[in-house]
Amino acid sequence: MLAIELTIGNKKFVFCTVYRVGTLGEQNHDNIINSIKSFHQGRNPKKIFIVGDFNLHTVNWPIQTEISSPFNPIHKLFIDSFEELGLNQLITVPTHIKGKTLDLLLTNSSELVSDAIVHSNANLCKSDHSLISFKVKANKVTKPSLRGWTISFLIVYFDLII
Protein backbone atom coordinates (compact mmCIF):
# COMPACT_ATOMS: atom_id res chain seq x y z
CA MET A 1 0.00 0.00 0.00
CA LEU A 2 1.22 3.47 -0.87
CA ALA A 3 -0.62 6.63 0.18
CA ILE A 4 -0.13 10.38 -0.10
CA GLU A 5 -2.03 13.11 1.69
CA LEU A 6 -2.66 16.48 0.05
CA THR A 7 -4.08 19.56 1.72
CA ILE A 8 -6.00 21.95 -0.52
CA GLY A 9 -7.43 24.88 1.39
CA ASN A 10 -8.83 23.40 4.58
CA LYS A 11 -9.57 19.98 3.04
CA LYS A 12 -7.34 16.93 3.26
CA PHE A 13 -7.27 14.38 0.45
CA VAL A 14 -5.73 10.91 0.74
CA PHE A 15 -4.84 9.02 -2.46
CA CYS A 16 -3.84 5.43 -1.95
CA THR A 17 -2.93 2.45 -4.12
CA VAL A 18 -3.32 -1.16 -2.99
CA TYR A 19 -2.23 -4.50 -4.36
CA ARG A 20 -3.62 -7.50 -2.52
CA VAL A 21 -2.36 -10.99 -3.31
CA GLY A 22 -5.54 -13.00 -3.75
CA THR A 23 -4.35 -15.99 -1.72
CA LEU A 24 -3.63 -14.07 1.48
CA GLY A 25 -5.97 -14.45 4.42
CA GLU A 26 -7.47 -12.61 7.35
CA GLN A 27 -4.23 -11.10 8.63
CA ASN A 28 -3.73 -9.40 5.25
CA HIS A 29 -7.31 -8.08 5.44
CA ASP A 30 -6.65 -6.71 8.93
CA ASN A 31 -3.40 -5.03 7.84
CA ILE A 32 -5.04 -3.31 4.85
CA ILE A 33 -8.14 -2.23 6.76
CA ASN A 34 -6.11 -0.94 9.73
CA SER A 35 -4.03 1.15 7.33
CA ILE A 36 -7.21 2.58 5.79
CA LYS A 37 -8.63 3.26 9.27
CA SER A 38 -5.55 5.36 10.06
CA PHE A 39 -6.69 7.83 7.36
CA HIS A 40 -9.83 8.52 9.43
CA GLN A 41 -7.90 9.90 12.41
CA GLY A 42 -8.22 13.56 13.33
CA ARG A 43 -11.06 16.03 13.75
CA ASN A 44 -11.58 16.94 10.11
CA PRO A 45 -12.66 14.02 7.93
CA LYS A 46 -10.34 13.32 5.02
CA LYS A 47 -11.49 12.71 1.48
CA ILE A 48 -10.20 9.20 0.75
CA PHE A 49 -9.57 7.71 -2.71
CA ILE A 50 -8.21 4.16 -2.90
CA VAL A 51 -7.47 2.46 -6.19
CA GLY A 52 -5.96 -0.95 -6.71
CA ASP A 53 -6.16 -4.65 -7.37
CA PHE A 54 -7.93 -6.25 -4.41
CA ASN A 55 -8.31 -9.65 -6.15
CA LEU A 56 -11.86 -10.12 -4.85
CA HIS A 57 -12.76 -12.46 -7.70
CA THR A 58 -15.95 -13.88 -6.09
CA VAL A 59 -17.54 -10.42 -5.88
CA ASN A 60 -19.71 -9.12 -8.70
CA TRP A 61 -19.89 -5.33 -8.67
CA PRO A 62 -22.19 -3.60 -8.04
CA ILE A 63 -23.26 -5.82 -5.18
CA GLN A 64 -26.96 -6.62 -5.16
CA THR A 65 -27.97 -6.61 -1.49
CA GLU A 66 -31.17 -8.56 -2.12
CA ILE A 67 -29.22 -11.40 -3.77
CA SER A 68 -27.05 -13.51 -1.51
CA SER A 69 -23.87 -14.38 -3.39
CA PRO A 70 -21.52 -17.19 -2.41
CA PHE A 71 -18.67 -14.89 -1.33
CA ASN A 72 -15.35 -16.20 -0.20
CA PRO A 73 -15.24 -15.44 3.59
CA ILE A 74 -12.21 -13.14 3.20
CA HIS A 75 -13.92 -11.29 0.36
CA LYS A 76 -16.99 -10.85 2.58
CA LEU A 77 -14.72 -9.37 5.30
CA PHE A 78 -13.46 -6.78 2.81
CA ILE A 79 -16.98 -5.89 1.65
CA ASP A 80 -18.17 -5.49 5.25
CA SER A 81 -15.12 -3.38 6.12
CA PHE A 82 -15.61 -1.10 3.09
CA GLU A 83 -19.20 -0.54 4.18
CA GLU A 84 -18.22 0.05 7.81
CA LEU A 85 -15.67 2.68 6.72
CA GLY A 86 -18.19 4.43 4.46
CA LEU A 87 -16.29 3.56 1.29
CA ASN A 88 -18.22 3.27 -1.98
CA GLN A 89 -16.85 1.17 -4.84
CA LEU A 90 -17.28 3.09 -8.11
CA ILE A 91 -16.03 0.64 -10.76
CA THR A 92 -18.86 -1.53 -12.07
CA VAL A 93 -17.39 -2.99 -15.27
CA PRO A 94 -14.76 -5.73 -15.67
CA THR A 95 -11.14 -4.68 -15.24
CA HIS A 96 -9.56 -8.08 -15.95
CA ILE A 97 -9.35 -10.05 -19.19
CA LYS A 98 -11.28 -12.91 -17.54
CA GLY A 99 -14.29 -10.60 -17.09
CA LYS A 100 -14.03 -9.83 -13.36
CA THR A 101 -13.83 -6.48 -11.59
CA LEU A 102 -10.65 -6.95 -9.58
CA ASP A 103 -9.43 -3.36 -9.69
CA LEU A 104 -11.48 -1.06 -7.49
CA LEU A 105 -11.95 2.66 -6.88
CA LEU A 106 -13.08 3.15 -3.29
CA THR A 107 -13.97 6.53 -1.82
CA ASN A 108 -15.86 8.17 1.01
CA SER A 109 -16.47 11.18 -1.28
CA SER A 110 -18.24 9.85 -4.38
CA GLU A 111 -19.65 13.30 -5.11
CA LEU A 112 -16.13 14.56 -5.85
CA VAL A 113 -15.33 11.88 -8.44
CA SER A 114 -16.04 12.39 -12.12
CA ASP A 115 -15.01 10.71 -15.34
CA ALA A 116 -14.14 7.34 -13.76
CA ILE A 117 -13.06 5.35 -16.80
CA VAL A 118 -11.83 1.79 -17.30
CA HIS A 119 -9.55 1.97 -20.33
CA SER A 120 -9.02 -0.79 -22.84
CA ASN A 121 -5.45 -2.07 -22.65
CA ALA A 122 -4.91 -2.14 -26.38
CA ASN A 123 -2.75 0.99 -26.56
CA LEU A 124 -1.85 1.73 -22.95
CA CYS A 125 0.08 -1.15 -21.43
CA LYS A 126 0.74 -4.88 -21.50
CA SER A 127 -1.29 -6.30 -18.65
CA ASP A 128 -4.20 -8.61 -17.98
CA HIS A 129 -5.78 -5.69 -16.05
CA SER A 130 -7.29 -2.49 -17.40
CA LEU A 131 -6.15 0.98 -16.43
CA ILE A 132 -8.52 3.10 -14.31
CA SER A 133 -8.52 6.89 -14.49
CA PHE A 134 -10.71 9.41 -12.70
CA LYS A 135 -10.91 13.09 -11.82
CA VAL A 136 -11.40 14.60 -8.38
CA LYS A 137 -13.10 17.96 -7.94
CA ALA A 138 -11.15 20.22 -5.63
CA ASN A 139 -11.50 23.96 -5.23
CA LYS A 140 -8.39 25.84 -6.18
CA VAL A 141 -7.17 28.06 -3.37
CA THR A 142 -5.70 31.37 -4.46
CA LYS A 143 -4.12 34.06 -2.36
CA PRO A 144 -5.32 37.58 -3.01
CA SER A 145 -2.95 39.51 -5.22
CA LEU A 146 -1.43 42.77 -4.01
CA ARG A 147 -0.79 43.75 -7.61
CA GLY A 148 -2.48 47.04 -8.37
CA TRP A 149 -2.37 48.18 -4.76
CA THR A 150 -0.18 51.08 -3.75
CA ILE A 151 0.82 52.03 -0.28
CA SER A 152 0.76 55.73 0.39
CA PHE A 153 3.14 57.21 2.93
CA LEU A 154 1.70 60.72 2.51
CA ILE A 155 -0.15 60.44 5.80
CA VAL A 156 1.98 58.81 8.47
CA TYR A 157 1.50 59.21 12.21
CA PHE A 158 5.11 58.90 13.34
CA ASP A 159 4.23 59.40 16.99
CA LEU A 160 2.18 56.16 16.90
CA ILE A 161 5.06 54.11 15.54
CA ILE A 162 6.99 52.48 18.32
C-alpha atoms as a PDB file:
ATOM      1  CA  MET A   1       0.000   0.000   0.000  1.00  0.00           C
ATOM      2  CA  LEU A   2       1.220   3.465  -0.870  1.00  0.00           C
ATOM      3  CA  ALA A   3      -0.619   6.633   0.181  1.00  0.00           C
ATOM      4  CA  ILE A   4      -0.129  10.380  -0.102  1.00  0.00           C
ATOM      5  CA  GLU A   5      -2.029  13.115   1.695  1.00  0.00           C
ATOM      6  CA  LEU A   6      -2.655  16.482   0.055  1.00  0.00           C
ATOM      7  CA  THR A   7      -4.076  19.558   1.720  1.00  0.00           C
ATOM      8  CA  ILE A   8      -6.000  21.948  -0.519  1.00  0.00           C
ATOM      9  CA  GLY A   9      -7.429  24.883   1.392  1.00  0.00           C
ATOM     10  CA  ASN A  10      -8.829  23.396   4.575  1.00  0.00           C
ATOM     11  CA  LYS A  11      -9.572  19.980   3.040  1.00  0.00           C
ATOM     12  CA  LYS A  12      -7.339  16.931   3.264  1.00  0.00           C
ATOM     13  CA  PHE A  13      -7.275  14.376   0.453  1.00  0.00           C
ATOM     14  CA  VAL A  14      -5.726  10.907   0.736  1.00  0.00           C
ATOM     15  CA  PHE A  15      -4.838   9.022  -2.459  1.00  0.00           C
ATOM     16  CA  CYS A  16      -3.845   5.427  -1.949  1.00  0.00           C
ATOM     17  CA  THR A  17      -2.930   2.450  -4.122  1.00  0.00           C
ATOM     18  CA  VAL A  18      -3.316  -1.155  -2.993  1.00  0.00           C
ATOM     19  CA  TYR A  19      -2.233  -4.495  -4.356  1.00  0.00           C
ATOM     20  CA  ARG A  20      -3.617  -7.500  -2.519  1.00  0.00           C
ATOM     21  CA  VAL A  21      -2.363 -10.985  -3.310  1.00  0.00           C
ATOM     22  CA  GLY A  22      -5.543 -13.005  -3.748  1.00  0.00           C
ATOM     23  CA  THR A  23      -4.346 -15.989  -1.721  1.00  0.00           C
ATOM     24  CA  LEU A  24      -3.629 -14.075   1.482  1.00  0.00           C
ATOM     25  CA  GLY A  25      -5.975 -14.446   4.419  1.00  0.00           C
ATOM     26  CA  GLU A  26      -7.473 -12.606   7.348  1.00  0.00           C
ATOM     27  CA  GLN A  27      -4.226 -11.102   8.634  1.00  0.00           C
ATOM     28  CA  ASN A  28      -3.731  -9.403   5.248  1.00  0.00           C
ATOM     29  CA  HIS A  29      -7.312  -8.076   5.438  1.00  0.00           C
ATOM     30  CA  ASP A  30      -6.646  -6.714   8.927  1.00  0.00           C
ATOM     31  CA  ASN A  31      -3.399  -5.026   7.837  1.00  0.00           C
ATOM     32  CA  ILE A  32      -5.037  -3.314   4.851  1.00  0.00           C
ATOM     33  CA  ILE A  33      -8.142  -2.229   6.765  1.00  0.00           C
ATOM     34  CA  ASN A  34      -6.113  -0.942   9.731  1.00  0.00           C
ATOM     35  CA  SER A  35      -4.031   1.153   7.331  1.00  0.00           C
ATOM     36  CA  ILE A  36      -7.213   2.578   5.791  1.00  0.00           C
ATOM     37  CA  LYS A  37      -8.634   3.263   9.271  1.00  0.00           C
ATOM     38  CA  SER A  38      -5.548   5.356  10.064  1.00  0.00           C
ATOM     39  CA  PHE A  39      -6.687   7.827   7.362  1.00  0.00           C
ATOM     40  CA  HIS A  40      -9.828   8.516   9.433  1.00  0.00           C
ATOM     41  CA  GLN A  41      -7.900   9.903  12.405  1.00  0.00           C
ATOM     42  CA  GLY A  42      -8.223  13.556  13.332  1.00  0.00           C
ATOM     43  CA  ARG A  43     -11.063  16.026  13.748  1.00  0.00           C
ATOM     44  CA  ASN A  44     -11.580  16.935  10.108  1.00  0.00           C
ATOM     45  CA  PRO A  45     -12.664  14.025   7.930  1.00  0.00           C
ATOM     46  CA  LYS A  46     -10.341  13.322   5.023  1.00  0.00           C
ATOM     47  CA  LYS A  47     -11.493  12.713   1.476  1.00  0.00           C
ATOM     48  CA  ILE A  48     -10.202   9.202   0.749  1.00  0.00           C
ATOM     49  CA  PHE A  49      -9.570   7.711  -2.705  1.00  0.00           C
ATOM     50  CA  ILE A  50      -8.215   4.163  -2.897  1.00  0.00           C
ATOM     51  CA  VAL A  51      -7.469   2.456  -6.188  1.00  0.00           C
ATOM     52  CA  GLY A  52      -5.961  -0.953  -6.715  1.00  0.00           C
ATOM     53  CA  ASP A  53      -6.157  -4.648  -7.365  1.00  0.00           C
ATOM     54  CA  PHE A  54      -7.928  -6.245  -4.410  1.00  0.00           C
ATOM     55  CA  ASN A  55      -8.313  -9.646  -6.148  1.00  0.00           C
ATOM     56  CA  LEU A  56     -11.858 -10.115  -4.845  1.00  0.00           C
ATOM     57  CA  HIS A  57     -12.764 -12.461  -7.697  1.00  0.00           C
ATOM     58  CA  THR A  58     -15.949 -13.876  -6.089  1.00  0.00           C
ATOM     59  CA  VAL A  59     -17.535 -10.423  -5.876  1.00  0.00           C
ATOM     60  CA  ASN A  60     -19.707  -9.121  -8.702  1.00  0.00           C
ATOM     61  CA  TRP A  61     -19.886  -5.331  -8.669  1.00  0.00           C
ATOM     62  CA  PRO A  62     -22.187  -3.604  -8.036  1.00  0.00           C
ATOM     63  CA  ILE A  63     -23.256  -5.816  -5.175  1.00  0.00           C
ATOM     64  CA  GLN A  64     -26.957  -6.617  -5.159  1.00  0.00           C
ATOM     65  CA  THR A  65     -27.974  -6.613  -1.488  1.00  0.00           C
ATOM     66  CA  GLU A  66     -31.166  -8.561  -2.119  1.00  0.00           C
ATOM     67  CA  ILE A  67     -29.222 -11.404  -3.766  1.00  0.00           C
ATOM     68  CA  SER A  68     -27.046 -13.511  -1.508  1.00  0.00           C
ATOM     69  CA  SER A  69     -23.871 -14.381  -3.389  1.00  0.00           C
ATOM     70  CA  PRO A  70     -21.520 -17.186  -2.407  1.00  0.00           C
ATOM     71  CA  PHE A  71     -18.671 -14.889  -1.328  1.00  0.00           C
ATOM     72  CA  ASN A  72     -15.354 -16.202  -0.202  1.00  0.00           C
ATOM     73  CA  PRO A  73     -15.241 -15.439   3.588  1.00  0.00           C
ATOM     74  CA  ILE A  74     -12.206 -13.142   3.201  1.00  0.00           C
ATOM     75  CA  HIS A  75     -13.920 -11.294   0.361  1.00  0.00           C
ATOM     76  CA  LYS A  76     -16.990 -10.850   2.583  1.00  0.00           C
ATOM     77  CA  LEU A  77     -14.724  -9.374   5.303  1.00  0.00           C
ATOM     78  CA  PHE A  78     -13.459  -6.784   2.814  1.00  0.00           C
ATOM     79  CA  ILE A  79     -16.977  -5.888   1.646  1.00  0.00           C
ATOM     80  CA  ASP A  80     -18.167  -5.487   5.248  1.00  0.00           C
ATOM     81  CA  SER A  81     -15.123  -3.383   6.122  1.00  0.00           C
ATOM     82  CA  PHE A  82     -15.605  -1.104   3.090  1.00  0.00           C
ATOM     83  CA  GLU A  83     -19.199  -0.542   4.181  1.00  0.00           C
ATOM     84  CA  GLU A  84     -18.217   0.051   7.813  1.00  0.00           C
ATOM     85  CA  LEU A  85     -15.671   2.679   6.722  1.00  0.00           C
ATOM     86  CA  GLY A  86     -18.192   4.428   4.459  1.00  0.00           C
ATOM     87  CA  LEU A  87     -16.291   3.557   1.285  1.00  0.00           C
ATOM     88  CA  ASN A  88     -18.219   3.266  -1.977  1.00  0.00           C
ATOM     89  CA  GLN A  89     -16.853   1.171  -4.840  1.00  0.00           C
ATOM     90  CA  LEU A  90     -17.278   3.089  -8.107  1.00  0.00           C
ATOM     91  CA  ILE A  91     -16.030   0.640 -10.755  1.00  0.00           C
ATOM     92  CA  THR A  92     -18.861  -1.528 -12.075  1.00  0.00           C
ATOM     93  CA  VAL A  93     -17.393  -2.995 -15.271  1.00  0.00           C
ATOM     94  CA  PRO A  94     -14.761  -5.726 -15.667  1.00  0.00           C
ATOM     95  CA  THR A  95     -11.145  -4.682 -15.244  1.00  0.00           C
ATOM     96  CA  HIS A  96      -9.557  -8.076 -15.955  1.00  0.00           C
ATOM     97  CA  ILE A  97      -9.347 -10.053 -19.188  1.00  0.00           C
ATOM     98  CA  LYS A  98     -11.279 -12.911 -17.541  1.00  0.00           C
ATOM     99  CA  GLY A  99     -14.292 -10.602 -17.095  1.00  0.00           C
ATOM    100  CA  LYS A 100     -14.026  -9.833 -13.363  1.00  0.00           C
ATOM    101  CA  THR A 101     -13.827  -6.476 -11.594  1.00  0.00           C
ATOM    102  CA  LEU A 102     -10.647  -6.954  -9.583  1.00  0.00           C
ATOM    103  CA  ASP A 103      -9.433  -3.357  -9.692  1.00  0.00           C
ATOM    104  CA  LEU A 104     -11.481  -1.061  -7.489  1.00  0.00           C
ATOM    105  CA  LEU A 105     -11.950   2.656  -6.883  1.00  0.00           C
ATOM    106  CA  LEU A 106     -13.082   3.152  -3.287  1.00  0.00           C
ATOM    107  CA  THR A 107     -13.971   6.530  -1.816  1.00  0.00           C
ATOM    108  CA  ASN A 108     -15.856   8.170   1.012  1.00  0.00           C
ATOM    109  CA  SER A 109     -16.469  11.180  -1.277  1.00  0.00           C
ATOM    110  CA  SER A 110     -18.237   9.850  -4.382  1.00  0.00           C
ATOM    111  CA  GLU A 111     -19.653  13.297  -5.111  1.00  0.00           C
ATOM    112  CA  LEU A 112     -16.127  14.564  -5.849  1.00  0.00           C
ATOM    113  CA  VAL A 113     -15.325  11.877  -8.438  1.00  0.00           C
ATOM    114  CA  SER A 114     -16.037  12.393 -12.121  1.00  0.00           C
ATOM    115  CA  ASP A 115     -15.006  10.710 -15.338  1.00  0.00           C
ATOM    116  CA  ALA A 116     -14.135   7.336 -13.758  1.00  0.00           C
ATOM    117  CA  ILE A 117     -13.058   5.347 -16.804  1.00  0.00           C
ATOM    118  CA  VAL A 118     -11.828   1.789 -17.296  1.00  0.00           C
ATOM    119  CA  HIS A 119      -9.548   1.973 -20.331  1.00  0.00           C
ATOM    120  CA  SER A 120      -9.022  -0.792 -22.840  1.00  0.00           C
ATOM    121  CA  ASN A 121      -5.451  -2.069 -22.648  1.00  0.00           C
ATOM    122  CA  ALA A 122      -4.906  -2.137 -26.382  1.00  0.00           C
ATOM    123  CA  ASN A 123      -2.747   0.986 -26.560  1.00  0.00           C
ATOM    124  CA  LEU A 124      -1.854   1.729 -22.949  1.00  0.00           C
ATOM    125  CA  CYS A 125       0.081  -1.151 -21.429  1.00  0.00           C
ATOM    126  CA  LYS A 126       0.736  -4.881 -21.505  1.00  0.00           C
ATOM    127  CA  SER A 127      -1.290  -6.299 -18.654  1.00  0.00           C
ATOM    128  CA  ASP A 128      -4.199  -8.607 -17.982  1.00  0.00           C
ATOM    129  CA  HIS A 129      -5.779  -5.694 -16.051  1.00  0.00           C
ATOM    130  CA  SER A 130      -7.289  -2.491 -17.401  1.00  0.00           C
ATOM    131  CA  LEU A 131      -6.146   0.979 -16.426  1.00  0.00           C
ATOM    132  CA  ILE A 132      -8.517   3.097 -14.305  1.00  0.00           C
ATOM    133  CA  SER A 133      -8.521   6.886 -14.486  1.00  0.00           C
ATOM    134  CA  PHE A 134     -10.710   9.414 -12.697  1.00  0.00           C
ATOM    135  CA  LYS A 135     -10.913  13.089 -11.817  1.00  0.00           C
ATOM    136  CA  VAL A 136     -11.397  14.600  -8.376  1.00  0.00           C
ATOM    137  CA  LYS A 137     -13.098  17.958  -7.937  1.00  0.00           C
ATOM    138  CA  ALA A 138     -11.152  20.224  -5.625  1.00  0.00           C
ATOM    139  CA  ASN A 139     -11.500  23.965  -5.226  1.00  0.00           C
ATOM    140  CA  LYS A 140      -8.386  25.838  -6.184  1.00  0.00           C
ATOM    141  CA  VAL A 141      -7.172  28.063  -3.373  1.00  0.00           C
ATOM    142  CA  THR A 142      -5.700  31.370  -4.460  1.00  0.00           C
ATOM    143  CA  LYS A 143      -4.121  34.058  -2.361  1.00  0.00           C
ATOM    144  CA  PRO A 144      -5.318  37.578  -3.013  1.00  0.00           C
ATOM    145  CA  SER A 145      -2.954  39.507  -5.216  1.00  0.00           C
ATOM    146  CA  LEU A 146      -1.427  42.766  -4.014  1.00  0.00           C
ATOM    147  CA  ARG A 147      -0.791  43.753  -7.615  1.00  0.00           C
ATOM    148  CA  GLY A 148      -2.478  47.043  -8.369  1.00  0.00           C
ATOM    149  CA  TRP A 149      -2.365  48.182  -4.762  1.00  0.00           C
ATOM    150  CA  THR A 150      -0.183  51.085  -3.753  1.00  0.00           C
ATOM    151  CA  ILE A 151       0.815  52.031  -0.285  1.00  0.00           C
ATOM    152  CA  SER A 152       0.763  55.732   0.389  1.00  0.00           C
ATOM    153  CA  PHE A 153       3.143  57.212   2.931  1.00  0.00           C
ATOM    154  CA  LEU A 154       1.698  60.723   2.512  1.00  0.00           C
ATOM    155  CA  ILE A 155      -0.150  60.444   5.800  1.00  0.00           C
ATOM    156  CA  VAL A 156       1.976  58.806   8.471  1.00  0.00           C
ATOM    157  CA  TYR A 157       1.503  59.215  12.209  1.00  0.00           C
ATOM    158  CA  PHE A 158       5.109  58.900  13.345  1.00  0.00           C
ATOM    159  CA  ASP A 159       4.229  59.400  16.994  1.00  0.00           C
ATOM    160  CA  LEU A 160       2.176  56.165  16.897  1.00  0.00           C
ATOM    161  CA  ILE A 161       5.061  54.107  15.542  1.00  0.00           C
ATOM    162  CA  ILE A 162       6.990  52.480  18.319  1.00  0.00           C
END
